[in-house]
Amino acid sequence: MTDDNKPQAQPDHSNTEKDPSNWTTGNEAMTGAQKSYLQTLCEEANESFDPNLTKAQASERIDQLQTIANRGE
């Protein structure tokens, strides 16, 4: 038996996790925070650091390195 008065769960359609390739500012230089965190991750993962990445590229590289360095979610 269903309760028609019970609120239904709504799917999360927020854009809190937007694909970096769709960022309007994705082609800008990475932020200072991204640069600092990326440098740290590169050191921990023994990977080279590229200071010329865009915001979108830096975000994607951070995601990759978090896995290698056993960080993140």
PDB file of N, CA and C in Angstrom:
ATOM      1  N   MET A   1       0.846  -1.174   0.000  1.00  0.00           N
ATOM      2  CA  MET A   1       0.000   0.000   0.000  1.00  0.00           C
ATOM      3  C   MET A   1       0.895   1.241   0.000  1.00  0.00           C
ATOM      4  N   THR A   2       0.618   2.217  -0.852  1.00  0.00           N
ATOM      5  CA  THR A   2       1.421   3.433  -0.957  1.00  0.00           C
ATOM      6  C   THR A   2       0.733   4.589  -0.255  1.00  0.00           C
ATOM      7  N   ASP A   3       1.528   5.439   0.316  1.00  0.00           N
ATOM      8  CA  ASP A   3       1.016   6.640   0.963  1.00  0.00           C
ATOM      9  C   ASP A   3       1.209   7.813   0.007  1.00  0.00           C
ATOM     10  N   ASP A   4       0.111   8.245  -0.636  1.00  0.00           N
ATOM     11  CA  ASP A   4       0.185   9.314  -1.619  1.00  0.00           C
ATOM     12  C   ASP A   4       0.545  10.668  -1.013  1.00  0.00           C
ATOM     13  N   ASN A   5       0.427  10.798   0.296  1.00  0.00           N
ATOM     14  CA  ASN A   5       0.746  12.064   0.944  1.00  0.00           C
ATOM     15  C   ASN A   5       2.219  12.151   1.348  1.00  0.00           C
ATOM     16  N   LYS A   6       2.931  11.084   1.170  1.00  0.00           N
ATOM     17  CA  LYS A   6       4.343  11.053   1.551  1.00  0.00           C
ATOM     18  C   LYS A   6       5.173  11.780   0.495  1.00  0.00           C
ATOM     19  N   PRO A   7       6.069  12.690   0.908  1.00  0.00           N
ATOM     20  CA  PRO A   7       6.886  13.395  -0.085  1.00  0.00           C
ATOM     21  C   PRO A   7       7.823  12.416  -0.798  1.00  0.00           C
ATOM     22  N   GLN A   8       7.950  12.600  -2.094  1.00  0.00           N
ATOM     23  CA  GLN A   8       8.818  11.756  -2.897  1.00  0.00           C
ATOM     24  C   GLN A   8      10.220  12.363  -2.944  1.00  0.00           C
ATOM     25  N   ALA A   9      11.211  11.511  -2.918  1.00  0.00           N
ATOM     26  CA  ALA A   9      12.588  11.984  -3.033  1.00  0.00           C
ATOM     27  C   ALA A   9      12.804  12.557  -4.428  1.00  0.00           C
ATOM     28  N   GLN A  10      13.405  13.723  -4.470  1.00  0.00           N
ATOM     29  CA  GLN A  10      13.667  14.380  -5.742  1.00  0.00           C
ATOM     30  C   GLN A  10      15.118  14.130  -6.148  1.00  0.00           C
ATOM     31  N   PRO A  11      15.361  13.890  -7.437  1.00  0.00           N
ATOM     32  CA  PRO A  11      16.740  13.714  -7.884  1.00  0.00           C
ATOM     33  C   PRO A  11      17.520  15.009  -7.720  1.00  0.00           C
ATOM     34  N   ASP A  12      18.800  14.887  -7.459  1.00  0.00           N
ATOM     35  CA  ASP A  12      19.661  16.053  -7.273  1.00  0.00           C
ATOM     36  C   ASP A  12      20.090  16.563  -8.642  1.00  0.00           C
ATOM     37  N   HIS A  13      19.550  17.709  -9.037  1.00  0.00           N
ATOM     38  CA  HIS A  13      19.893  18.302 -10.317  1.00  0.00           C
ATOM     39  C   HIS A  13      20.770  19.542 -10.134  1.00  0.00           C
ATOM     40  N   SER A  14      21.490  19.603  -9.022  1.00  0.00           N
ATOM     41  CA  SER A  14      22.325  20.771  -8.789  1.00  0.00           C
ATOM     42  C   SER A  14      23.551  20.703  -9.691  1.00  0.00           C
ATOM     43  N   ASN A  15      24.200  21.823  -9.847  1.00  0.00           N
ATOM     44  CA  ASN A  15      25.403  21.841 -10.672  1.00  0.00           C
ATOM     45  C   ASN A  15      26.641  22.017  -9.806  1.00  0.00           C
ATOM     46  N   THR A  16      26.617  21.450  -8.610  1.00  0.00           N
ATOM     47  CA  THR A  16      27.762  21.578  -7.727  1.00  0.00           C
ATOM     48  C   THR A  16      28.969  20.825  -8.263  1.00  0.00           C
ATOM     49  N   GLU A  17      28.757  19.837  -9.107  1.00  0.00           N
ATOM     50  CA  GLU A  17      29.862  19.102  -9.706  1.00  0.00           C
ATOM     51  C   GLU A  17      29.732  19.169 -11.218  1.00  0.00           C
ATOM     52  N   LYS A  18      30.110  20.296 -11.760  1.00  0.00           N
ATOM     53  CA  LYS A  18      30.026  20.526 -13.186  1.00  0.00           C
ATOM     54  C   LYS A  18      31.302  20.012 -13.857  1.00  0.00           C
ATOM     55  N   ASP A  19      31.172  19.402 -14.994  1.00  0.00           N
ATOM     56  CA  ASP A  19      32.310  18.892 -15.739  1.00  0.00           C
ATOM     57  C   ASP A  19      33.244  20.060 -16.078  1.00  0.00           C
ATOM     58  N   PRO A  20      34.542  19.952 -15.736  1.00  0.00           N
ATOM     59  CA  PRO A  20      35.470  21.054 -16.009  1.00  0.00           C
ATOM     60  C   PRO A  20      35.483  21.499 -17.465  1.00  0.00           C
ATOM     61  N   SER A  21      35.206  20.603 -18.392  1.00  0.00           N
ATOM     62  CA  SER A  21      35.204  20.998 -19.802  1.00  0.00           C
ATOM     63  C   SER A  21      34.044  21.945 -20.124  1.00  0.00           C
ATOM     64  N   ASN A  22      33.062  22.042 -19.222  1.00  0.00           N
ATOM     65  CA  ASN A  22      31.920  22.936 -19.412  1.00  0.00           C
ATOM     66  C   ASN A  22      32.031  24.235 -18.619  1.00  0.00           C
ATOM     67  N   TRP A  23      33.130  24.435 -17.920  1.00  0.00           N
ATOM     68  CA  TRP A  23      33.304  25.656 -17.133  1.00  0.00           C
ATOM     69  C   TRP A  23      33.476  26.852 -18.055  1.00  0.00           C
ATOM     70  N   THR A  24      32.802  27.944 -17.749  1.00  0.00           N
ATOM     71  CA  THR A  24      32.955  29.147 -18.561  1.00  0.00           C
ATOM     72  C   THR A  24      34.325  29.789 -18.346  1.00  0.00           C
ATOM     73  N   THR A  25      34.943  29.554 -17.197  1.00  0.00           N
ATOM     74  CA  THR A  25      36.272  30.104 -16.911  1.00  0.00           C
ATOM     75  C   THR A  25      37.348  29.023 -16.964  1.00  0.00           C
ATOM     76  N   GLY A  26      37.029  27.894 -17.531  1.00  0.00           N
ATOM     77  CA  GLY A  26      37.952  26.764 -17.559  1.00  0.00           C
ATOM     78  C   GLY A  26      39.244  27.010 -18.296  1.00  0.00           C
ATOM     79  N   ASN A  27      39.252  27.961 -19.223  1.00  0.00           N
ATOM     80  CA  ASN A  27      40.469  28.241 -19.991  1.00  0.00           C
ATOM     81  C   ASN A  27      41.378  29.262 -19.324  1.00  0.00           C
ATOM     82  N   GLU A  28      40.955  29.786 -18.194  1.00  0.00           N
ATOM     83  CA  GLU A  28      41.795  30.727 -17.453  1.00  0.00           C
ATOM     84  C   GLU A  28      42.891  29.962 -16.721  1.00  0.00           C
ATOM     85  N   ALA A  29      43.929  30.674 -16.323  1.00  0.00           N
ATOM     86  CA  ALA A  29      45.021  30.058 -15.566  1.00  0.00           C
ATOM     87  C   ALA A  29      44.483  29.480 -14.264  1.00  0.00           C
ATOM     88  N   MET A  30      45.097  28.386 -13.807  1.00  0.00           N
ATOM     89  CA  MET A  30      44.645  27.773 -12.554  1.00  0.00           C
ATOM     90  C   MET A  30      44.750  28.773 -11.415  1.00  0.00           C
ATOM     91  N   THR A  31      43.932  28.565 -10.410  1.00  0.00           N
ATOM     92  CA  THR A  31      43.924  29.461  -9.248  1.00  0.00           C
ATOM     93  C   THR A  31      45.141  29.171  -8.368  1.00  0.00           C
ATOM     94  N   GLY A  32      45.404  30.095  -7.476  1.00  0.00           N
ATOM     95  CA  GLY A  32      46.509  29.893  -6.535  1.00  0.00           C
ATOM     96  C   GLY A  32      46.295  28.665  -5.666  1.00  0.00           C
ATOM     97  N   ALA A  33      45.051  28.450  -5.250  1.00  0.00           N
ATOM     98  CA  ALA A  33      44.739  27.280  -4.425  1.00  0.00           C
ATOM     99  C   ALA A  33      44.962  25.982  -5.208  1.00  0.00           C
ATOM    100  N   GLN A  34      44.530  25.972  -6.471  1.00  0.00           N
ATOM    101  CA  GLN A  34      44.750  24.788  -7.301  1.00  0.00           C
ATOM    102  C   GLN A  34      46.244  24.531  -7.467  1.00  0.00           C
ATOM    103  N   LYS A  35      46.990  25.588  -7.729  1.00  0.00           N
ATOM    104  CA  LYS A  35      48.434  25.452  -7.944  1.00  0.00           C
ATOM    105  C   LYS A  35      49.116  24.863  -6.712  1.00  0.00           C
ATOM    106  N   SER A  36      48.789  25.391  -5.554  1.00  0.00           N
ATOM    107  CA  SER A  36      49.390  24.918  -4.317  1.00  0.00           C
ATOM    108  C   SER A  36      49.048  23.454  -4.049  1.00  0.00           C
ATOM    109  N   TYR A  37      47.779  23.110  -4.183  1.00  0.00           N
ATOM    110  CA  TYR A  37      47.334  21.739  -3.920  1.00  0.00           C
ATOM    111  C   TYR A  37      47.911  20.779  -4.956  1.00  0.00           C
ATOM    112  N   LEU A  38      47.958  21.213  -6.206  1.00  0.00           N
ATOM    113  CA  LEU A  38      48.494  20.371  -7.267  1.00  0.00           C
ATOM    114  C   LEU A  38      49.983  20.111  -7.060  1.00  0.00           C
ATOM    115  N   GLN A  39      50.723  21.119  -6.624  1.00  0.00           N
ATOM    116  CA  GLN A  39      52.143  20.933  -6.333  1.00  0.00           C
ATOM    117  C   GLN A  39      52.324  19.883  -5.234  1.00  0.00           C
ATOM    118  N   THR A  40      51.513  19.977  -4.191  1.00  0.00           N
ATOM    119  CA  THR A  40      51.589  19.013  -3.094  1.00  0.00           C
ATOM    120  C   THR A  40      51.270  17.607  -3.579  1.00  0.00           C
ATOM    121  N   LEU A  41      50.202  17.465  -4.354  1.00  0.00           N
ATOM    122  CA  LEU A  41      49.822  16.144  -4.866  1.00  0.00           C
ATOM    123  C   LEU A  41      50.896  15.574  -5.784  1.00  0.00           C
ATOM    124  N   CYS A  42      51.479  16.425  -6.623  1.00  0.00           N
ATOM    125  CA  CYS A  42      52.547  15.960  -7.519  1.00  0.00           C
ATOM    126  C   CYS A  42      53.730  15.421  -6.721  1.00  0.00           C
ATOM    127  N   GLU A  43      54.095  16.117  -5.667  1.00  0.00           N
ATOM    128  CA  GLU A  43      55.197  15.652  -4.813  1.00  0.00           C
ATOM    129  C   GLU A  43      54.852  14.312  -4.178  1.00  0.00           C
ATOM    130  N   GLU A  44      53.653  14.195  -3.622  1.00  0.00           N
ATOM    131  CA  GLU A  44      53.243  12.958  -2.961  1.00  0.00           C
ATOM    132  C   GLU A  44      53.141  11.785  -3.925  1.00  0.00           C
ATOM    133  N   ALA A  45      52.731  12.055  -5.163  1.00  0.00           N
ATOM    134  CA  ALA A  45      52.553  10.992  -6.151  1.00  0.00           C
ATOM    135  C   ALA A  45      53.811  10.794  -7.000  1.00  0.00           C
ATOM    136  N   ASN A  46      54.850  11.593  -6.725  1.00  0.00           N
ATOM    137  CA  ASN A  46      56.100  11.525  -7.486  1.00  0.00           C
ATOM    138  C   ASN A  46      55.845  11.747  -8.975  1.00  0.00           C
ATOM    139  N   GLU A  47      55.036  12.771  -9.258  1.00  0.00           N
ATOM    140  CA  GLU A  47      54.675  13.135 -10.627  1.00  0.00           C
ATOM    141  C   GLU A  47      55.191  14.545 -10.904  1.00  0.00           C
ATOM    142  N   SER A  48      55.369  14.863 -12.179  1.00  0.00           N
ATOM    143  CA  SER A  48      55.836  16.198 -12.537  1.00  0.00           C
ATOM    144  C   SER A  48      54.689  17.211 -12.429  1.00  0.00           C
ATOM    145  N   PHE A  49      55.055  18.442 -12.116  1.00  0.00           N
ATOM    146  CA  PHE A  49      54.092  19.533 -11.971  1.00  0.00           C
ATOM    147  C   PHE A  49      54.173  20.446 -13.182  1.00  0.00           C
ATOM    148  N   ASP A  50      53.038  20.743 -13.799  1.00  0.00           N
ATOM    149  CA  ASP A  50      52.972  21.650 -14.938  1.00  0.00           C
ATOM    150  C   ASP A  50      52.314  22.950 -14.481  1.00  0.00           C
ATOM    151  N   PRO A  51      53.079  24.036 -14.368  1.00  0.00           N
ATOM    152  CA  PRO A  51      52.517  25.297 -13.874  1.00  0.00           C
ATOM    153  C   PRO A  51      51.652  26.031 -14.895  1.00  0.00           C
ATOM    154  N   ASN A  52      51.554  25.513 -16.110  1.00  0.00           N
ATOM    155  CA  ASN A  52      50.823  26.200 -17.177  1.00  0.00           C
ATOM    156  C   ASN A  52      49.441  25.642 -17.447  1.00  0.00           C
ATOM    157  N   LEU A  53      48.907  24.825 -16.546  1.00  0.00           N
ATOM    158  CA  LEU A  53      47.584  24.247 -16.751  1.00  0.00           C
ATOM    159  C   LEU A  53      46.488  25.295 -16.568  1.00  0.00           C
ATOM    160  N   THR A  54      45.386  25.096 -17.257  1.00  0.00           N
ATOM    161  CA  THR A  54      44.213  25.949 -17.062  1.00  0.00           C
ATOM    162  C   THR A  54      43.463  25.473 -15.824  1.00  0.00           C
ATOM    163  N   LYS A  55      42.447  26.228 -15.432  1.00  0.00           N
ATOM    164  CA  LYS A  55      41.621  25.818 -14.292  1.00  0.00           C
ATOM    165  C   LYS A  55      41.024  24.437 -14.517  1.00  0.00           C
ATOM    166  N   ALA A  56      40.480  24.212 -15.707  1.00  0.00           N
ATOM    167  CA  ALA A  56      39.842  22.927 -16.007  1.00  0.00           C
ATOM    168  C   ALA A  56      40.862  21.801 -16.022  1.00  0.00           C
ATOM    169  N   GLN A  57      42.009  22.024 -16.651  1.00  0.00           N
ATOM    170  CA  GLN A  57      43.047  20.998 -16.698  1.00  0.00           C
ATOM    171  C   GLN A  57      43.572  20.687 -15.304  1.00  0.00           C
ATOM    172  N   ALA A  58      43.756  21.726 -14.492  1.00  0.00           N
ATOM    173  CA  ALA A  58      44.238  21.530 -13.127  1.00  0.00           C
ATOM    174  C   ALA A  58      43.239  20.714 -12.319  1.00  0.00           C
ATOM    175  N   SER A  59      41.953  20.990 -12.479  1.00  0.00           N
ATOM    176  CA  SER A  59      40.930  20.245 -11.762  1.00  0.00           C
ATOM    177  C   SER A  59      40.970  18.763 -12.130  1.00  0.00           C
ATOM    178  N   GLU A  60      41.081  18.483 -13.417  1.00  0.00           N
ATOM    179  CA  GLU A  60      41.140  17.093 -13.864  1.00  0.00           C
ATOM    180  C   GLU A  60      42.407  16.405 -13.366  1.00  0.00           C
ATOM    181  N   ARG A  61      43.535  17.139 -13.376  1.00  0.00           N
ATOM    182  CA  ARG A  61      44.814  16.571 -12.908  1.00  0.00           C
ATOM    183  C   ARG A  61      44.747  16.308 -11.404  1.00  0.00           C
ATOM    184  N   ILE A  62      44.115  17.198 -10.667  1.00  0.00           N
ATOM    185  CA  ILE A  62      43.948  17.000  -9.221  1.00  0.00           C
ATOM    186  C   ILE A  62      43.152  15.724  -8.966  1.00  0.00           C
ATOM    187  N   ASP A  63      42.072  15.532  -9.705  1.00  0.00           N
ATOM    188  CA  ASP A  63      41.275  14.308  -9.546  1.00  0.00           C
ATOM    189  C   ASP A  63      42.119  13.065  -9.796  1.00  0.00           C
ATOM    190  N   GLN A  64      42.934  13.091 -10.831  1.00  0.00           N
ATOM    191  CA  GLN A  64      43.796  11.950 -11.158  1.00  0.00           C
ATOM    192  C   GLN A  64      44.799  11.692 -10.037  1.00  0.00           C
ATOM    193  N   LEU A  65      45.444  12.756  -9.586  1.00  0.00           N
ATOM    194  CA  LEU A  65      46.492  12.607  -8.583  1.00  0.00           C
ATOM    195  C   LEU A  65      45.957  12.253  -7.200  1.00  0.00           C
ATOM    196  N   GLN A  66      44.729  12.641  -6.894  1.00  0.00           N
ATOM    197  CA  GLN A  66      44.149  12.256  -5.609  1.00  0.00           C
ATOM    198  C   GLN A  66      44.057  10.740  -5.512  1.00  0.00           C
ATOM    199  N   THR A  67      43.752  10.100  -6.601  1.00  0.00           N
ATOM    200  CA  THR A  67      43.689   8.649  -6.623  1.00  0.00           C
ATOM    201  C   THR A  67      45.070   8.047  -6.436  1.00  0.00           C
ATOM    202  N   ILE A  68      46.046   8.563  -7.172  1.00  0.00           N
ATOM    203  CA  ILE A  68      47.423   8.053  -7.081  1.00  0.00           C
ATOM    204  C   ILE A  68      47.992   8.260  -5.687  1.00  0.00           C
ATOM    205  N   ALA A  69      47.725   9.419  -5.102  1.00  0.00           N
ATOM    206  CA  ALA A  69      48.280   9.775  -3.785  1.00  0.00           C
ATOM    207  C   ALA A  69      47.408   9.301  -2.631  1.00  0.00           C
ATOM    208  N   ASN A  70      46.348   8.546  -2.930  1.00  0.00           N
ATOM    209  CA  ASN A  70      45.423   8.053  -1.907  1.00  0.00           C
ATOM    210  C   ASN A  70      44.810   9.168  -1.087  1.00  0.00           C
ATOM    211  N   ARG A  71      44.321  10.184  -1.784  1.00  0.00           N
ATOM    212  CA  ARG A  71      43.632  11.306  -1.143  1.00  0.00           C
ATOM    213  C   ARG A  71      42.245  11.412  -1.711  1.00  0.00           C
ATOM    214  N   GLY A  72      41.508  12.330  -1.182  1.00  0.00           N
ATOM    215  CA  GLY A  72      40.163  12.575  -1.717  1.00  0.00           C
ATOM    216  C   GLY A  72      39.141  11.648  -1.124  1.00  0.00           C
ATOM    217  N   GLU A  73      38.038  11.515  -1.813  1.00  0.00           N
ATOM    218  CA  GLU A  73      36.886  10.766  -1.303  1.00  0.00           C
ATOM    219  C   GLU A  73      37.104   9.291  -1.329  1.00  0.00           C
TER     220      GLU A  73
END
